[in-house]
Each structure stands twice: as structure tokens, then as C-alpha cells.
């Protein structure tokens, strides 16, 4: 049984809310490559304007996610090796920006509650 595109979007949106709730300590616990790869598991095509559409993703949410996709790409490109060291992450400007932008995107997505992973809400 396949799920609808709306339900698929709702599930991804919920996963993004969880993913974007990051701190440097949490990044260190999973490792930088782990965090980078986890994003690719959730959003395999990075920014896809045909996927991130209303009504599941509001226009403001779309803007925030697109911005975070750009930051993710920059951080991914700047990360040369996997690290689990918080002190190293604190010394890397791109990871500080990554966390700040993740928090901003999460705040935007959190203005609306998580949607059902089982029932279409639109």
C-alpha cells in the first residue's frame, strides 16, 4: 500500500522538526558525517520546490527550509572529516551557523504543530 503525496509531505515535515532541534552537543554525539547523512536520508534531493508545497509547508516554512538547505550544503562542503568533538565544532564557524539556522527553521516550522504521520490533514 502506498501513501499519498500529502501524507508523505506531512511525515517529512515532522522529521524535519525533529532533525532541526539540534545543538552542538547533539551533533557531536552523532558525528558531523552522521548529521550530514541524516539530512540526506530525510531530504534526498535537497531543496525541491515541487515537494515543499502548500498546504503542508507554508510559504514561510518553504523559505526557512530553502535557507537551511543552502546552509546544509555549505556546511557539508566545508566539513572535511568526521568529528565527535564539541570543542572542535565550537571552533568551526560553519557549524555555529548551521545550528543557528537549524534553530531558526525549527522555530518557523513549530509555529504550526506536527501533523499526523497516518492521516492526511489537508
PDB file of N, CA and C in Angstrom:
ATOM      1  N   UNK A   1       0.837  -1.174   0.000  1.00  0.00           N
ATOM      2  CA  UNK A   1       0.000   0.000   0.000  1.00  0.00           C
ATOM      3  C   UNK A   1       0.885   1.241   0.000  1.00  0.00           C
ATOM      4  N   UNK A   2       0.655   2.130  -0.927  1.00  0.00           N
ATOM      5  CA  UNK A   2       1.454   3.348  -0.987  1.00  0.00           C
ATOM      6  C   UNK A   2       0.732   4.470  -0.254  1.00  0.00           C
ATOM      7  N   UNK A   3       1.500   5.463   0.142  1.00  0.00           N
ATOM      8  CA  UNK A   3       0.901   6.600   0.826  1.00  0.00           C
ATOM      9  C   UNK A   3       0.786   7.765  -0.147  1.00  0.00           C
ATOM     10  N   UNK A   4      -0.103   8.668   0.155  1.00  0.00           N
ATOM     11  CA  UNK A   4      -0.328   9.814  -0.719  1.00  0.00           C
ATOM     12  C   UNK A   4       0.831  10.802  -0.624  1.00  0.00           C
ATOM     13  N   UNK A   5       0.921  11.667  -1.598  1.00  0.00           N
ATOM     14  CA  UNK A   5       1.972  12.684  -1.581  1.00  0.00           C
ATOM     15  C   UNK A   5       1.778  13.646  -0.404  1.00  0.00           C
ATOM     16  N   UNK A   6       0.533  13.929  -0.050  1.00  0.00           N
ATOM     17  CA  UNK A   6       0.271  14.806   1.099  1.00  0.00           C
ATOM     18  C   UNK A   6       0.766  14.165   2.387  1.00  0.00           C
ATOM     19  N   UNK A   7       0.442  12.898   2.587  1.00  0.00           N
ATOM     20  CA  UNK A   7       0.890  12.210   3.795  1.00  0.00           C
ATOM     21  C   UNK A   7       2.413  12.100   3.818  1.00  0.00           C
ATOM     22  N   UNK A   8       3.014  11.844   2.681  1.00  0.00           N
ATOM     23  CA  UNK A   8       4.474  11.795   2.590  1.00  0.00           C
ATOM     24  C   UNK A   8       5.089  13.130   3.021  1.00  0.00           C
ATOM     25  N   UNK A   9       4.508  14.222   2.574  1.00  0.00           N
ATOM     26  CA  UNK A   9       4.996  15.556   2.947  1.00  0.00           C
ATOM     27  C   UNK A   9       4.833  15.804   4.450  1.00  0.00           C
ATOM     28  N   UNK A  10       3.696  15.376   4.991  1.00  0.00           N
ATOM     29  CA  UNK A  10       3.474  15.536   6.428  1.00  0.00           C
ATOM     30  C   UNK A  10       4.533  14.790   7.228  1.00  0.00           C
ATOM     31  N   UNK A  11       4.850  13.583   6.811  1.00  0.00           N
ATOM     32  CA  UNK A  11       5.860  12.774   7.506  1.00  0.00           C
ATOM     33  C   UNK A  11       7.221  13.448   7.424  1.00  0.00           C
ATOM     34  N   UNK A  12       7.596  13.916   6.245  1.00  0.00           N
ATOM     35  CA  UNK A  12       8.880  14.602   6.086  1.00  0.00           C
ATOM     36  C   UNK A  12       8.921  15.864   6.944  1.00  0.00           C
ATOM     37  N   UNK A  13       7.832  16.620   6.949  1.00  0.00           N
ATOM     38  CA  UNK A  13       7.771  17.842   7.762  1.00  0.00           C
ATOM     39  C   UNK A  13       8.018  17.519   9.235  1.00  0.00           C
ATOM     40  N   UNK A  14       7.384  16.466   9.734  1.00  0.00           N
ATOM     41  CA  UNK A  14       7.581  16.058  11.126  1.00  0.00           C
ATOM     42  C   UNK A  14       9.025  15.645  11.381  1.00  0.00           C
ATOM     43  N   UNK A  15       9.609  14.940  10.439  1.00  0.00           N
ATOM     44  CA  UNK A  15      11.008  14.529  10.584  1.00  0.00           C
ATOM     45  C   UNK A  15      11.939  15.742  10.590  1.00  0.00           C
ATOM     46  N   UNK A  16      11.617  16.742   9.793  1.00  0.00           N
ATOM     47  CA  UNK A  16      12.422  17.966   9.768  1.00  0.00           C
ATOM     48  C   UNK A  16      12.364  18.691  11.102  1.00  0.00           C
ATOM     49  N   UNK A  17      11.186  18.761  11.690  1.00  0.00           N
ATOM     50  CA  UNK A  17      11.064  19.407  13.002  1.00  0.00           C
ATOM     51  C   UNK A  17      11.977  18.722  14.014  1.00  0.00           C
ATOM     52  N   UNK A  18      11.995  17.409  14.010  1.00  0.00           N
ATOM     53  CA  UNK A  18      12.865  16.666  14.922  1.00  0.00           C
ATOM     54  C   UNK A  18      14.344  16.902  14.586  1.00  0.00           C
ATOM     55  N   UNK A  19      14.682  16.824  13.318  1.00  0.00           N
ATOM     56  CA  UNK A  19      16.072  16.993  12.891  1.00  0.00           C
ATOM     57  C   UNK A  19      16.610  18.372  13.264  1.00  0.00           C
ATOM     58  N   UNK A  20      15.820  19.386  13.057  1.00  0.00           N
ATOM     59  CA  UNK A  20      16.276  20.766  13.251  1.00  0.00           C
ATOM     60  C   UNK A  20      16.423  21.151  14.714  1.00  0.00           C
ATOM     61  N   UNK A  21      16.032  20.286  15.611  1.00  0.00           N
ATOM     62  CA  UNK A  21      16.183  20.531  17.038  1.00  0.00           C
ATOM     63  C   UNK A  21      17.581  20.070  17.468  1.00  0.00           C
ATOM     64  N   UNK A  22      18.587  20.800  17.005  1.00  0.00           N
ATOM     65  CA  UNK A  22      19.982  20.388  17.163  1.00  0.00           C
ATOM     66  C   UNK A  22      20.768  21.343  18.053  1.00  0.00           C
ATOM     67  N   UNK A  23      21.729  20.779  18.731  1.00  0.00           N
ATOM     68  CA  UNK A  23      22.741  21.567  19.434  1.00  0.00           C
ATOM     69  C   UNK A  23      24.098  21.002  19.030  1.00  0.00           C
ATOM     70  N   UNK A  24      25.155  21.734  19.335  1.00  0.00           N
ATOM     71  CA  UNK A  24      26.493  21.217  19.020  1.00  0.00           C
ATOM     72  C   UNK A  24      26.767  19.915  19.769  1.00  0.00           C
ATOM     73  N   UNK A  25      26.247  19.797  20.986  1.00  0.00           N
ATOM     74  CA  UNK A  25      26.429  18.553  21.745  1.00  0.00           C
ATOM     75  C   UNK A  25      25.772  17.373  21.026  1.00  0.00           C
ATOM     76  N   UNK A  26      24.571  17.590  20.503  1.00  0.00           N
ATOM     77  CA  UNK A  26      23.878  16.516  19.784  1.00  0.00           C
ATOM     78  C   UNK A  26      24.592  16.170  18.483  1.00  0.00           C
ATOM     79  N   UNK A  27      25.104  17.182  17.805  1.00  0.00           N
ATOM     80  CA  UNK A  27      25.869  16.929  16.587  1.00  0.00           C
ATOM     81  C   UNK A  27      27.098  16.095  16.919  1.00  0.00           C
ATOM     82  N   UNK A  28      27.783  16.458  17.982  1.00  0.00           N
ATOM     83  CA  UNK A  28      28.978  15.712  18.384  1.00  0.00           C
ATOM     84  C   UNK A  28      28.630  14.268  18.739  1.00  0.00           C
ATOM     85  N   UNK A  29      27.484  14.051  19.347  1.00  0.00           N
ATOM     86  CA  UNK A  29      27.129  12.681  19.742  1.00  0.00           C
ATOM     87  C   UNK A  29      26.895  11.778  18.527  1.00  0.00           C
ATOM     88  N   UNK A  30      26.403  12.351  17.433  1.00  0.00           N
ATOM     89  CA  UNK A  30      26.166  11.572  16.209  1.00  0.00           C
ATOM     90  C   UNK A  30      27.314  11.657  15.216  1.00  0.00           C
ATOM     91  N   UNK A  31      28.166  12.656  15.402  1.00  0.00           N
ATOM     92  CA  UNK A  31      29.262  12.898  14.461  1.00  0.00           C
ATOM     93  C   UNK A  31      28.789  13.782  13.324  1.00  0.00           C
ATOM     94  N   UNK A  32      29.702  14.564  12.798  1.00  0.00           N
ATOM     95  CA  UNK A  32      29.331  15.508  11.744  1.00  0.00           C
ATOM     96  C   UNK A  32      28.845  14.794  10.487  1.00  0.00           C
ATOM     97  N   UNK A  33      29.498  13.710  10.112  1.00  0.00           N
ATOM     98  CA  UNK A  33      29.036  12.977   8.930  1.00  0.00           C
ATOM     99  C   UNK A  33      27.665  12.351   9.187  1.00  0.00           C
ATOM    100  N   UNK A  34      27.430  11.915  10.428  1.00  0.00           N
ATOM    101  CA  UNK A  34      26.139  11.344  10.771  1.00  0.00           C
ATOM    102  C   UNK A  34      25.011  12.358  10.602  1.00  0.00           C
ATOM    103  N   UNK A  35      25.256  13.589  11.040  1.00  0.00           N
ATOM    104  CA  UNK A  35      24.256  14.654  10.907  1.00  0.00           C
ATOM    105  C   UNK A  35      24.037  15.004   9.439  1.00  0.00           C
ATOM    106  N   UNK A  36      25.118  15.095   8.702  1.00  0.00           N
ATOM    107  CA  UNK A  36      25.015  15.395   7.267  1.00  0.00           C
ATOM    108  C   UNK A  36      24.238  14.296   6.554  1.00  0.00           C
ATOM    109  N   UNK A  37      24.567  13.048   6.837  1.00  0.00           N
ATOM    110  CA  UNK A  37      23.902  11.924   6.179  1.00  0.00           C
ATOM    111  C   UNK A  37      22.442  11.792   6.599  1.00  0.00           C
ATOM    112  N   UNK A  38      22.134  12.119   7.843  1.00  0.00           N
ATOM    113  CA  UNK A  38      20.754  12.043   8.304  1.00  0.00           C
ATOM    114  C   UNK A  38      19.866  13.005   7.513  1.00  0.00           C
ATOM    115  N   UNK A  39      20.379  14.199   7.235  1.00  0.00           N
ATOM    116  CA  UNK A  39      19.618  15.159   6.415  1.00  0.00           C
ATOM    117  C   UNK A  39      19.351  14.569   5.038  1.00  0.00           C
ATOM    118  N   UNK A  40      20.367  13.941   4.449  1.00  0.00           N
ATOM    119  CA  UNK A  40      20.197  13.339   3.128  1.00  0.00           C
ATOM    120  C   UNK A  40      19.185  12.198   3.152  1.00  0.00           C
ATOM    121  N   UNK A  41      19.065  11.517   4.292  1.00  0.00           N
ATOM    122  CA  UNK A  41      18.054  10.460   4.423  1.00  0.00           C
ATOM    123  C   UNK A  41      16.646  11.046   4.417  1.00  0.00           C
ATOM    124  N   UNK A  42      16.498  12.234   5.015  1.00  0.00           N
ATOM    125  CA  UNK A  42      15.183  12.871   5.105  1.00  0.00           C
ATOM    126  C   UNK A  42      14.857  13.637   3.833  1.00  0.00           C
ATOM    127  N   UNK A  43      15.840  14.369   3.322  1.00  0.00           N
ATOM    128  CA  UNK A  43      15.643  15.255   2.161  1.00  0.00           C
ATOM    129  C   UNK A  43      16.673  14.879   1.093  1.00  0.00           C
ATOM    130  N   UNK A  44      16.452  13.786   0.375  1.00  0.00           N
ATOM    131  CA  UNK A  44      17.469  13.283  -0.551  1.00  0.00           C
ATOM    132  C   UNK A  44      17.795  14.214  -1.719  1.00  0.00           C
ATOM    133  N   UNK A  45      16.855  15.060  -2.107  1.00  0.00           N
ATOM    134  CA  UNK A  45      17.101  15.940  -3.250  1.00  0.00           C
ATOM    135  C   UNK A  45      17.370  17.380  -2.834  1.00  0.00           C
ATOM    136  N   UNK A  46      17.727  17.583  -1.562  1.00  0.00           N
ATOM    137  CA  UNK A  46      17.920  18.920  -1.014  1.00  0.00           C
ATOM    138  C   UNK A  46      16.675  19.755  -1.270  1.00  0.00           C
ATOM    139  N   UNK A  47      16.824  20.950  -1.773  1.00  0.00           N
ATOM    140  CA  UNK A  47      15.655  21.816  -1.973  1.00  0.00           C
ATOM    141  C   UNK A  47      14.920  21.408  -3.243  1.00  0.00           C
ATOM    142  N   UNK A  48      13.680  21.011  -3.088  1.00  0.00           N
ATOM    143  CA  UNK A  48      12.841  20.632  -4.214  1.00  0.00           C
ATOM    144  C   UNK A  48      11.541  21.432  -4.118  1.00  0.00           C
ATOM    145  N   UNK A  49      11.419  22.512  -4.901  1.00  0.00           N
ATOM    146  CA  UNK A  49      10.225  23.358  -4.791  1.00  0.00           C
ATOM    147  C   UNK A  49       8.932  22.638  -5.149  1.00  0.00           C
ATOM    148  N   UNK A  50       9.020  21.528  -5.845  1.00  0.00           N
ATOM    149  CA  UNK A  50       7.815  20.768  -6.173  1.00  0.00           C
ATOM    150  C   UNK A  50       7.376  19.858  -5.020  1.00  0.00           C
ATOM    151  N   UNK A  51       8.271  19.603  -4.089  1.00  0.00           N
ATOM    152  CA  UNK A  51       7.917  18.793  -2.925  1.00  0.00           C
ATOM    153  C   UNK A  51       7.453  19.662  -1.761  1.00  0.00           C
ATOM    154  N   UNK A  52       8.185  20.732  -1.492  1.00  0.00           N
ATOM    155  CA  UNK A  52       7.883  21.599  -0.350  1.00  0.00           C
ATOM    156  C   UNK A  52       6.806  22.611  -0.730  1.00  0.00           C
ATOM    157  N   UNK A  53       5.571  22.136  -0.783  1.00  0.00           N
ATOM    158  CA  UNK A  53       4.468  22.965  -1.267  1.00  0.00           C
ATOM    159  C   UNK A  53       3.387  23.113  -0.202  1.00  0.00           C
ATOM    160  N   UNK A  54       2.576  24.133  -0.422  1.00  0.00           N
ATOM    161  CA  UNK A  54       1.400  24.319   0.431  1.00  0.00           C
ATOM    162  C   UNK A  54       0.398  23.212   0.111  1.00  0.00           C
ATOM    163  N   UNK A  55      -0.430  22.838   0.998  1.00  0.00           N
ATOM    164  CA  UNK A  55      -0.653  23.416   2.316  1.00  0.00           C
ATOM    165  C   UNK A  55       0.215  22.814   3.415  1.00  0.00           C
ATOM    166  N   UNK A  56       0.929  21.730   3.136  1.00  0.00           N
ATOM    167  CA  UNK A  56       1.729  21.102   4.189  1.00  0.00           C
ATOM    168  C   UNK A  56       2.851  22.035   4.640  1.00  0.00           C
ATOM    169  N   UNK A  57       3.491  22.691   3.695  1.00  0.00           N
ATOM    170  CA  UNK A  57       4.569  23.636   4.010  1.00  0.00           C
ATOM    171  C   UNK A  57       4.085  25.040   3.669  1.00  0.00           C
ATOM    172  N   UNK A  58       3.933  25.887   4.678  1.00  0.00           N
ATOM    173  CA  UNK A  58       3.524  27.271   4.427  1.00  0.00           C
ATOM    174  C   UNK A  58       4.618  27.994   3.643  1.00  0.00           C
ATOM    175  N   UNK A  59       4.290  29.137   3.099  1.00  0.00           N
ATOM    176  CA  UNK A  59       5.294  29.906   2.358  1.00  0.00           C
ATOM    177  C   UNK A  59       6.472  30.281   3.244  1.00  0.00           C
ATOM    178  N   UNK A  60       6.208  30.666   4.490  1.00  0.00           N
ATOM    179  CA  UNK A  60       7.301  30.996   5.412  1.00  0.00           C
ATOM    180  C   UNK A  60       8.151  29.768   5.729  1.00  0.00           C
ATOM    181  N   UNK A  61       7.507  28.623   5.878  1.00  0.00           N
ATOM    182  CA  UNK A  61       8.254  27.386   6.113  1.00  0.00           C
ATOM    183  C   UNK A  61       9.108  27.034   4.906  1.00  0.00           C
ATOM    184  N   UNK A  62       8.562  27.205   3.722  1.00  0.00           N
ATOM    185  CA  UNK A  62       9.326  26.940   2.499  1.00  0.00           C
ATOM    186  C   UNK A  62      10.585  27.810   2.458  1.00  0.00           C
ATOM    187  N   UNK A  63      10.442  29.077   2.789  1.00  0.00           N
ATOM    188  CA  UNK A  63      11.583  29.996   2.787  1.00  0.00           C
ATOM    189  C   UNK A  63      12.639  29.542   3.791  1.00  0.00           C
ATOM    190  N   UNK A  64      12.200  29.151   4.982  1.00  0.00           N
ATOM    191  CA  UNK A  64      13.136  28.700   6.019  1.00  0.00           C
ATOM    192  C   UNK A  64      13.849  27.419   5.625  1.00  0.00           C
ATOM    193  N   UNK A  65      13.107  26.492   5.058  1.00  0.00           N
ATOM    194  CA  UNK A  65      13.716  25.221   4.648  1.00  0.00           C
ATOM    195  C   UNK A  65      14.693  25.448   3.508  1.00  0.00           C
ATOM    196  N   UNK A  66      14.326  26.278   2.564  1.00  0.00           N
ATOM    197  CA  UNK A  66      15.240  26.572   1.449  1.00  0.00           C
ATOM    198  C   UNK A  66      16.527  27.189   1.979  1.00  0.00           C
ATOM    199  N   UNK A  67      16.417  28.130   2.904  1.00  0.00           N
ATOM    200  CA  UNK A  67      17.605  28.755   3.502  1.00  0.00           C
ATOM    201  C   UNK A  67      18.450  27.705   4.212  1.00  0.00           C
ATOM    202  N   UNK A  68      17.801  26.834   4.982  1.00  0.00           N
ATOM    203  CA  UNK A  68      18.563  25.820   5.688  1.00  0.00           C
ATOM    204  C   UNK A  68      19.232  24.856   4.713  1.00  0.00           C
ATOM    205  N   UNK A  69      18.576  24.518   3.620  1.00  0.00           N
ATOM    206  CA  UNK A  69      19.195  23.653   2.606  1.00  0.00           C
ATOM    207  C   UNK A  69      20.499  24.265   2.090  1.00  0.00           C
ATOM    208  N   UNK A  70      20.500  25.567   1.891  1.00  0.00           N
ATOM    209  CA  UNK A  70      21.715  26.265   1.445  1.00  0.00           C
ATOM    210  C   UNK A  70      22.812  26.170   2.504  1.00  0.00           C
ATOM    211  N   UNK A  71      22.440  26.386   3.764  1.00  0.00           N
ATOM    212  CA  UNK A  71      23.409  26.298   4.861  1.00  0.00           C
ATOM    213  C   UNK A  71      23.910  24.871   5.009  1.00  0.00           C
ATOM    214  N   UNK A  72      22.996  23.904   4.893  1.00  0.00           N
ATOM    215  CA  UNK A  72      23.406  22.495   4.970  1.00  0.00           C
ATOM    216  C   UNK A  72      24.448  22.196   3.896  1.00  0.00           C
ATOM    217  N   UNK A  73      24.187  22.662   2.678  1.00  0.00           N
ATOM    218  CA  UNK A  73      25.115  22.424   1.565  1.00  0.00           C
ATOM    219  C   UNK A  73      26.488  23.033   1.856  1.00  0.00           C
ATOM    220  N   UNK A  74      26.499  24.261   2.345  1.00  0.00           N
ATOM    221  CA  UNK A  74      27.762  24.933   2.675  1.00  0.00           C
ATOM    222  C   UNK A  74      28.500  24.187   3.787  1.00  0.00           C
ATOM    223  N   UNK A  75      27.766  23.766   4.800  1.00  0.00           N
ATOM    224  CA  UNK A  75      28.379  23.048   5.922  1.00  0.00           C
ATOM    225  C   UNK A  75      28.898  21.692   5.468  1.00  0.00           C
ATOM    226  N   UNK A  76      28.124  21.012   4.659  1.00  0.00           N
ATOM    227  CA  UNK A  76      28.553  19.723   4.130  1.00  0.00           C
ATOM    228  C   UNK A  76      29.851  19.872   3.336  1.00  0.00           C
ATOM    229  N   UNK A  77      29.905  20.881   2.475  1.00  0.00           N
ATOM    230  CA  UNK A  77      31.104  21.113   1.667  1.00  0.00           C
ATOM    231  C   UNK A  77      32.318  21.488   2.518  1.00  0.00           C
ATOM    232  N   UNK A  78      32.074  22.208   3.625  1.00  0.00           N
ATOM    233  CA  UNK A  78      33.182  22.674   4.467  1.00  0.00           C
ATOM    234  C   UNK A  78      33.662  21.629   5.476  1.00  0.00           C
ATOM    235  N   UNK A  79      32.915  20.554   5.632  1.00  0.00           N
ATOM    236  CA  UNK A  79      33.269  19.525   6.613  1.00  0.00           C
ATOM    237  C   UNK A  79      34.180  18.502   5.953  1.00  0.00           C
ATOM    238  N   UNK A  80      35.449  18.557   6.338  1.00  0.00           N
ATOM    239  CA  UNK A  80      36.455  17.714   5.696  1.00  0.00           C
ATOM    240  C   UNK A  80      36.576  16.334   6.317  1.00  0.00           C
ATOM    241  N   UNK A  81      36.261  16.223   7.595  1.00  0.00           N
ATOM    242  CA  UNK A  81      36.363  14.930   8.256  1.00  0.00           C
ATOM    243  C   UNK A  81      35.322  14.828   9.357  1.00  0.00           C
ATOM    244  N   UNK A  82      35.007  13.606   9.716  1.00  0.00           N
ATOM    245  CA  UNK A  82      34.017  13.339  10.748  1.00  0.00           C
ATOM    246  C   UNK A  82      34.614  13.655  12.111  1.00  0.00           C
ATOM    247  N   UNK A  83      33.863  14.347  12.931  1.00  0.00           N
ATOM    248  CA  UNK A  83      34.321  14.624  14.284  1.00  0.00           C
ATOM    249  C   UNK A  83      33.181  14.455  15.264  1.00  0.00           C
ATOM    250  N   UNK A  84      33.549  14.045  16.452  1.00  0.00           N
ATOM    251  CA  UNK A  84      32.614  13.877  17.556  1.00  0.00           C
ATOM    252  C   UNK A  84      32.992  14.795  18.716  1.00  0.00           C
ATOM    253  N   UNK A  85      33.857  15.759  18.439  1.00  0.00           N
ATOM    254  CA  UNK A  85      34.401  16.650  19.465  1.00  0.00           C
ATOM    255  C   UNK A  85      33.659  17.980  19.496  1.00  0.00           C
ATOM    256  N   UNK A  86      32.974  18.261  20.595  1.00  0.00           N
ATOM    257  CA  UNK A  86      32.244  19.519  20.736  1.00  0.00           C
ATOM    258  C   UNK A  86      33.190  20.703  20.662  1.00  0.00           C
ATOM    259  N   UNK A  87      34.352  20.583  21.260  1.00  0.00           N
ATOM    260  CA  UNK A  87      35.296  21.711  21.246  1.00  0.00           C
ATOM    261  C   UNK A  87      35.719  22.047  19.820  1.00  0.00           C
ATOM    262  N   UNK A  88      35.900  21.054  18.994  1.00  0.00           N
ATOM    263  CA  UNK A  88      36.236  21.306  17.591  1.00  0.00           C
ATOM    264  C   UNK A  88      35.059  21.971  16.872  1.00  0.00           C
ATOM    265  N   UNK A  89      33.864  21.475  17.110  1.00  0.00           N
ATOM    266  CA  UNK A  89      32.684  22.057  16.466  1.00  0.00           C
ATOM    267  C   UNK A  89      32.514  23.523  16.856  1.00  0.00           C
ATOM    268  N   UNK A  90      32.773  23.837  18.104  1.00  0.00           N
ATOM    269  CA  UNK A  90      32.651  25.231  18.568  1.00  0.00           C
ATOM    270  C   UNK A  90      33.645  26.144  17.859  1.00  0.00           C
ATOM    271  N   UNK A  91      34.731  25.601  17.410  1.00  0.00           N
ATOM    272  CA  UNK A  91      35.756  26.419  16.737  1.00  0.00           C
ATOM    273  C   UNK A  91      35.484  26.575  15.239  1.00  0.00           C
ATOM    274  N   UNK A  92      34.465  25.890  14.741  1.00  0.00           N
ATOM    275  CA  UNK A  92      34.152  25.920  13.316  1.00  0.00           C
ATOM    276  C   UNK A  92      32.949  26.823  13.064  1.00  0.00           C
ATOM    277  N   UNK A  93      33.188  27.961  12.415  1.00  0.00           N
ATOM    278  CA  UNK A  93      32.117  28.932  12.187  1.00  0.00           C
ATOM    279  C   UNK A  93      30.939  28.311  11.434  1.00  0.00           C
ATOM    280  N   UNK A  94      31.229  27.480  10.437  1.00  0.00           N
ATOM    281  CA  UNK A  94      30.131  26.916   9.648  1.00  0.00           C
ATOM    282  C   UNK A  94      29.200  26.053  10.493  1.00  0.00           C
ATOM    283  N   UNK A  95      29.691  25.404  11.538  1.00  0.00           N
ATOM    284  CA  UNK A  95      28.806  24.611  12.386  1.00  0.00           C
ATOM    285  C   UNK A  95      27.980  25.500  13.308  1.00  0.00           C
ATOM    286  N   UNK A  96      28.535  26.620  13.732  1.00  0.00           N
ATOM    287  CA  UNK A  96      27.752  27.577  14.530  1.00  0.00           C
ATOM    288  C   UNK A  96      26.605  28.146  13.692  1.00  0.00           C
ATOM    289  N   UNK A  97      26.885  28.485  12.448  1.00  0.00           N
ATOM    290  CA  UNK A  97      25.856  28.988  11.540  1.00  0.00           C
ATOM    291  C   UNK A  97      24.815  27.894  11.287  1.00  0.00           C
ATOM    292  N   UNK A  98      25.269  26.674  11.111  1.00  0.00           N
ATOM    293  CA  UNK A  98      24.383  25.529  10.880  1.00  0.00           C
ATOM    294  C   UNK A  98      23.367  25.404  12.019  1.00  0.00           C
ATOM    295  N   UNK A  99      23.851  25.431  13.253  1.00  0.00           N
ATOM    296  CA  UNK A  99      22.963  25.290  14.412  1.00  0.00           C
ATOM    297  C   UNK A  99      22.009  26.480  14.496  1.00  0.00           C
ATOM    298  N   UNK A 100      22.515  27.679  14.291  1.00  0.00           N
ATOM    299  CA  UNK A 100      21.668  28.875  14.354  1.00  0.00           C
ATOM    300  C   UNK A 100      20.547  28.805  13.308  1.00  0.00           C
ATOM    301  N   UNK A 101      20.889  28.435  12.086  1.00  0.00           N
ATOM    302  CA  UNK A 101      19.884  28.350  11.022  1.00  0.00           C
ATOM    303  C   UNK A 101      18.924  27.179  11.224  1.00  0.00           C
ATOM    304  N   UNK A 102      19.420  26.090  11.804  1.00  0.00           N
ATOM    305  CA  UNK A 102      18.537  24.958  12.127  1.00  0.00           C
ATOM    306  C   UNK A 102      17.500  25.399  13.156  1.00  0.00           C
ATOM    307  N   UNK A 103      17.946  26.134  14.157  1.00  0.00           N
ATOM    308  CA  UNK A 103      17.021  26.613  15.188  1.00  0.00           C
ATOM    309  C   UNK A 103      16.001  27.592  14.604  1.00  0.00           C
ATOM    310  N   UNK A 104      16.440  28.442  13.691  1.00  0.00           N
ATOM    311  CA  UNK A 104      15.520  29.395  13.057  1.00  0.00           C
ATOM    312  C   UNK A 104      14.474  28.654  12.216  1.00  0.00           C
ATOM    313  N   UNK A 105      14.905  27.666  11.467  1.00  0.00           N
ATOM    314  CA  UNK A 105      13.966  26.888  10.645  1.00  0.00           C
ATOM    315  C   UNK A 105      13.004  26.103  11.530  1.00  0.00           C
ATOM    316  N   UNK A 106      13.513  25.540  12.612  1.00  0.00           N
ATOM    317  CA  UNK A 106      12.640  24.793  13.527  1.00  0.00           C
ATOM    318  C   UNK A 106      11.609  25.724  14.150  1.00  0.00           C
ATOM    319  N   UNK A 107      12.028  26.908  14.534  1.00  0.00           N
ATOM    320  CA  UNK A 107      11.085  27.869  15.119  1.00  0.00           C
ATOM    321  C   UNK A 107       9.963  28.183  14.132  1.00  0.00           C
ATOM    322  N   UNK A 108      10.333  28.326  12.871  1.00  0.00           N
ATOM    323  CA  UNK A 108       9.320  28.607  11.847  1.00  0.00           C
ATOM    324  C   UNK A 108       8.351  27.428  11.698  1.00  0.00           C
ATOM    325  N   UNK A 109       8.894  26.224  11.614  1.00  0.00           N
ATOM    326  CA  UNK A 109       8.051  25.040  11.468  1.00  0.00           C
ATOM    327  C   UNK A 109       7.196  24.799  12.714  1.00  0.00           C
ATOM    328  N   UNK A 110       7.686  25.196  13.858  1.00  0.00           N
ATOM    329  CA  UNK A 110       6.974  24.948  15.111  1.00  0.00           C
ATOM    330  C   UNK A 110       5.819  25.911  15.344  1.00  0.00           C
ATOM    331  N   UNK A 111       5.674  26.882  14.489  1.00  0.00           N
ATOM    332  CA  UNK A 111       4.512  27.774  14.623  1.00  0.00           C
ATOM    333  C   UNK A 111       3.215  27.019  14.399  1.00  0.00           C
ATOM    334  N   UNK A 112       3.320  25.943  13.628  1.00  0.00           N
ATOM    335  CA  UNK A 112       2.194  25.014  13.475  1.00  0.00           C
ATOM    336  C   UNK A 112       2.631  23.695  14.096  1.00  0.00           C
ATOM    337  N   UNK A 113       1.705  22.950  14.600  1.00  0.00           N
ATOM    338  CA  UNK A 113       2.035  21.680  15.243  1.00  0.00           C
ATOM    339  C   UNK A 113       2.487  20.652  14.210  1.00  0.00           C
ATOM    340  N   UNK A 114       3.044  19.550  14.716  1.00  0.00           N
ATOM    341  CA  UNK A 114       3.326  18.423  13.833  1.00  0.00           C
ATOM    342  C   UNK A 114       2.000  17.895  13.302  1.00  0.00           C
ATOM    343  N   UNK A 115       2.056  17.369  12.105  1.00  0.00           N
ATOM    344  CA  UNK A 115       0.873  16.774  11.510  1.00  0.00           C
ATOM    345  C   UNK A 115       0.907  15.264  11.717  1.00  0.00           C
ATOM    346  N   UNK A 116      -0.200  14.632  11.448  1.00  0.00           N
ATOM    347  CA  UNK A 116      -0.296  13.187  11.599  1.00  0.00           C
ATOM    348  C   UNK A 116       0.637  12.483  10.620  1.00  0.00           C
ATOM    349  N   UNK A 117       1.218  11.387  11.087  1.00  0.00           N
ATOM    350  CA  UNK A 117       2.000  10.515  10.208  1.00  0.00           C
ATOM    351  C   UNK A 117       1.130   9.426   9.590  1.00  0.00           C
ATOM    352  N   UNK A 118      -0.163   9.425   9.948  1.00  0.00           N
ATOM    353  CA  UNK A 118      -1.045   8.351   9.499  1.00  0.00           C
ATOM    354  C   UNK A 118      -2.277   8.823   8.723  1.00  0.00           C
ATOM    355  N   UNK A 119      -2.685  10.068   8.952  1.00  0.00           N
ATOM    356  CA  UNK A 119      -3.915  10.571   8.324  1.00  0.00           C
ATOM    357  C   UNK A 119      -3.628  11.905   7.645  1.00  0.00           C
ATOM    358  N   UNK A 120      -4.063  12.026   6.409  1.00  0.00           N
ATOM    359  CA  UNK A 120      -3.917  13.310   5.716  1.00  0.00           C
ATOM    360  C   UNK A 120      -4.702  14.375   6.465  1.00  0.00           C
ATOM    361  N   UNK A 121      -4.085  15.515   6.663  1.00  0.00           N
ATOM    362  CA  UNK A 121      -4.769  16.587   7.368  1.00  0.00           C
ATOM    363  C   UNK A 121      -5.224  17.691   6.422  1.00  0.00           C
ATOM    364  N   UNK A 122      -4.995  17.516   5.142  1.00  0.00           N
ATOM    365  CA  UNK A 122      -5.396  18.526   4.160  1.00  0.00           C
ATOM    366  C   UNK A 122      -6.171  17.875   3.021  1.00  0.00           C
TER     367      UNK A 122
END
